[in-house]
Every structure is written in structure tokens, then in C-alpha cells.
Amino acid sequence: MSRKSHGAVNVISAISVMAIAVASAAMIIVLSVFNGFSSLAEQKLSKLDPDFMLIPATGKSISGIDSLCMGLRSIPGVASAEPEITEQAFAVTGDRKMGVMIKGMTDEGIKSSGISKVIIDGAGSFHGTFLDNESDTVSYEGAILSVGAAMGLNLRPTQGLCDFEIYEPRRQGRINPANPMGAFRKRLMRAKGVYQIEQEEYDKNMILLPYKTASELLSYNNEATSIAVTAAKTTDIKKLEHTLSETVAHLGIEVKDRYRQQEQAFRMIAIEKWITFLMLGFILVIASFNIVSTLSMMILEKEGNMNIIKAMGGTRSLTDRIFINQGWLIVILGGTAGLTIGSALVLCQQHFGWIKLNAADPTLMAVDAYPVLLEPYDIVTTLLSVMAVAMLITPAILMLRRK
């Protein structure tokens, strides 16, 4: 009886250690996966987002944009400060029509954005030459389309499918009901390139236009909806952000860094990450029930030994501490093993990319392996969770002893 029960307790104890280890490893792995996707999103967004975006705190546009940009460029640490115009519009080509988001950018703004690194068709520039019907070389200003806009309008720059029209409602003047098309400004454009960032906000329906063209479409005069500021490579980003905020605060302009420009996207990733963490934490608590059942069997088995300790002068608190330490030992062993195994698996995936992303066309994927990133903060958070579980089972052990 004693030998069999001793073996059963050992088996259940081992199972309890494994349950805690599996739950701890799962927490580290899942948190690292979310870190990986967040890091991937940050890398992709940086291809188009500037270091800082200056937007009006109230209203839609910033006036006196030329002098303001000139003043911003004179600030130490500012590599470029370029105006941008972002507005909704309507694009038409043949029988294809779709609502789009246009973004007017200067040539310097295009260069600073690094859009050329994510071009999948054509070129990352507004300017170029082409041969007209009379075979004469003609200069033109074009547009750079997102992959979603290019697919929706069936435009392929390298295949000669390039021309489309942009329509924008007139902001000024009267509208003649007999001529409804007179209520729109129209501009014939030519697709120069197609980009793909793998971020829905930018890939769905955005079209990049020359800043001058966007200004004419919207009847803007020395105005812009935002200013893109790029920092020099050796600049202290935090210090520059503080300087920019002080410079434009009296003008009613807000300064946003890369994270705040995509605050909603990163907030959603963070919410999903910690909701998943709480679910795994609940599983960890469920796994700790095995420890309680293990200790309850041990208390029954060791009742004779406890009577001997009591006869030798041992107090009840002494025997309580024995079982409490046993519970802590199971949690610490399982938690340590889980943290070690989980961290090792994450580091292997991070450096070797063993688990691949299966896709019909791998060239369309930004990465070929699941992105993971091990953060020390997550290790500490998981370790604290394991310790909290160990503290929770202490009252349960004392209740079993009283019974």
C-alpha cells in the first residue's frame, strides 16, 4: 500500500511539474510571437511613415506651410521637413472605378520615405519619360499606387496599363446643376509604380501623387494637411521630439512619432497579446489544481509520519511549512523548466526560422518564417505569474491540513 501510493504521488507530482512547465512555456512563446508581429509591423510601417508627423490639433490643414517647413529644416537634427496632403478622392480607368485615398508628397518626401524599397512593379518616382503616339519623348509626372489600388483599377506600369483619372470635389465656387461634372476637378495621371507594405491602411486604396498636383486638385494655397519630419541618423529622437513640440505648440500643431502615427494598430496588437496572456494565465491556474490534488494525497499518505513528528515535539506550523515548501518546489521547478524550454524554442525560431509560413506564393510574404522576438520584460512577467500561482496554492494547502 505504502509503496504503491508513494509511486502514485511521484507520478502525479511529475505530471503537476509538466503541466506548470507547459503553461509557462506557452506563455513565453505566445508573447514572443506577438512581439514578433509587432516588430514586423513596425519595420513595414517605417517604409512610409516619417520619424515625426506634424498634424493640426484642430481643423484639417496647416497654413503658411512653406515658411513653416523652412523653419523646421533649420532645427538641429532635422534632416528633412516636407509638406503632405492626404484626402479622399475617386479614381477611374476604363470601366474600373474606386474610392481612393490620395497622398500628395514632394520629391524629397518620397526619397526620405524609403518607398523605393517596397516597390513591386515599376519605379518609386513620380517623374519619367515615355513615347507618345508620334514616338516623341515626353516628360510627365506620374503616381505611385498601392497594390490594392493597382488591382482595383487594373493598372500594371510595366505592362503598359498606366493611365487613370483622379476626381476631387471642388472646394470653392458655385456648382451648375446642368453640369454635374463641373463640381469636380479632374486630373489625368499615369501609374509610375506599385508598392506593397503589407499594412492594410497603406495597401488597400492609397495613391501617392506629386504634392503640387494634390494642391491643385484641392485648391490648396500654401497649405498642407501634415508635415513629415525625418531625423538625422545620429539625432536623439526623444530630444528632437521635445524640441519640435516646443517649436510648433503655439501654432496648434501636434507632433506624433512613429508609434503614435499608428497608435490604433499597435494598441490592437497589444490588446490581443495581453488578452491571450490572461487566457494562458487562467490555464496556468487550472494546472495548479494538480498541485493541490498531489499535496492532498501526500497529506493522507504521510499522516503517520506527521504523528511521529508531532510526538517528537514538532509543531503544526512545522508540518504546514513542509507541504507548503513542497507546493512551491513543484511550481518553481515547473516554471523554471517552462521558461527555459520556451525561451530556448523562441531563440531557435528567432535565429534559425525553423517553423515556416506556408503560402501558395512565398514571394508575396514579407517573411518566410513565423516572426518571434524574446523580450526580457515578458520573461519577468511570466515568472511573476508563476510565483503568484505558487502564492495562491498556499491557502489551499493550509485548508487541506485543517481538514
Foldseek 3Di string as FASTA:
>chain_A
DLVVLVVVLVVLLVLLLQLLLQLLLVLQQLLQLLVQVLVLLLVLLQLAAAQKKKFFLDDQKAALQVVVQVVLCPDPFWPGKWFKAWDKWWKADDPFIDIFIEMATAQVSLVRSNQQVFWPAAGSAQWDWDQDPVGDIDIGGAKEWAQQQCVRRVAGQVVPRWKMKIWDAAPDDDADPVCNSVRIDMDIHTHRTYGYSPDCVRRNGYMYGHNVVVCVRHVNDRMHRIMRTHGDPPDDSVVVLVVVCVVCVVVNMDMDGSCRVPVVVVVVSVVVSVVVSVVSLVSSLVSLVSLLVSLLSVCVSCVVVVVVCVVVVHDPVVVLVVSLVVSVVSLVSSNVSSLVVSVVVLVCCQVPQPAFDDDPDCVVDPDGHSGGDRDPVSSVVSVVSSVVSSVVCSVSSVVSSVD
